Amino acid sequence: MPLALLALALGAFGIGTTEFVIVGLLPQIAGDFSVSIPSAGLLITGYALGVVVGAPLMTAAGARLPRKTMLAVLMGVFIVGNLICALAPSYGVLMAGRLVAALTHGAFFGIGSVVAAQLVAPERKARAIALMFTGLTVANVAGVPVGTLVGQHFGWRATFWGVTAFGLVGLLGVLVLVPALPPEPSGGLRGELRVFARPQVWLALAMTTLGFGGVFASFTYLAPMMTTLAGFSDPAVAWLLVLFGVGLCVGNLLGGRAADWRLMPSLYVVLGSLALVLVVFVATAHAELPAAVTIAVFGAVGFATVPLLQMRVMQQAEGAPALASAANIAAFNLGNAIGAWLSGLAIGHGLGYTAPNWIGAVLAAAGLGAAACSGLLERRTRAAASPAEQPAAPAYHVV
């Protein structure tokens, strides 16, 4: 694999760390700025909404720039956003810094996926894209727990200083290792926008939003849930995040294999399992060992949705590589924002720290409902077409 893929993975690692590390730092940030835990949780919601807005806007803004140049610009904006967070004198400035960093998220993964595919032979494109996204997975195993420990021992600002430094490494990697690639033939921005006239594309994005919204409804308040209900200490939260991250790695691998096997049946199983695990988490959140086991399973089932949901969106939006990929990242983060916001409302109204698990289960079940509608529409479309008129299925593979 080309070294340029390492640069893309480094960028993905930094972006993944800054997105998720805030979960382990909520109590410290809330205490420092004298705000409630639900108010601090809005830093996650705000970031997610920034991704939703930034993904299509930044992708469209960079449509005329060479992809290497745009990746470097995105890493520069990412560095500025995290620098603002590290220096933030108030909660409002910290939120502003999170929003600036979030603008780069969806566009980096959308454009980075296209670049990764250009770097290798056609039969290795999916493998190259998967390698870039490995940086996001490793961020949850290593970046988030380490960032949480650093924040607990040296203050949460130290974590953002560390992420800023890592952003500089990612920028250097893009400048040095990513080659200047010729643009791929495409129908331009208008051509890519046409895929959003397809109902199946919107159903696929709805699955992503609702399904992953279920994950973040619970994950956002994992730290206070575990310290308040299960009885874990603050330092133990970092190790629970490691456990969650290991589950993510396993889930990513299993979800990829499932997507390559039978996509829609696997989506039904995984989304249904996610809803079930979150219902079980309501009970197991009150004791250390059952909670720890559930967190690992939750991580695996939650992230198994990612390759399946990404595969479905790409399958239905064939012909719009960068914009469809960015739209999918936006859908993931819209789900993050909705899940975190609903859980914050529930906690703020006195429903307790198990309420996020109930909310997550309902959102996952709604995602399953969207998947069922999409599958039904697909079956009806196929039944209405004669065998000669049925289009060949796109040859996508998740590795």
Foldseek 3Di string as FASTA:
>chain_A
DALLLVLLLLLLLLLLLVLQLLLLCLVQVCVVQVHDSLVSLVLNLLLLLLLLVLLQVLLQVCLPPQLLVSLLVLLVQLLQLLVQLLVPPHPVSNSVSSSSNSSSPLLSLLSVLVLQQVVDDVVCSQVSSVSSNVSSLVSLQPVNLVLSVCCVVPNNSVSSVVSSVSSVVSSVSSVPRRDRDDDDDAPGPVRLVVLVVDVLLVLLLLLLLLLLLLLLLQSSNVQVLQCVAAPDDSNCVSVLSNLLSVLLVLLCVVLQVVCQPPQLVVLLVLLLVLLVLLVVCLVQSRHDPSNSVSSNPNSNSSNSVVVSSLVSNCQSSPRNRSSSSSNSSSSNSSSNSVSSNVSSVCVVVPVDSSVSSNSSSVSSVVSSVSSVVSVVVVVVVVVVDDPVPDDDGDDDHND
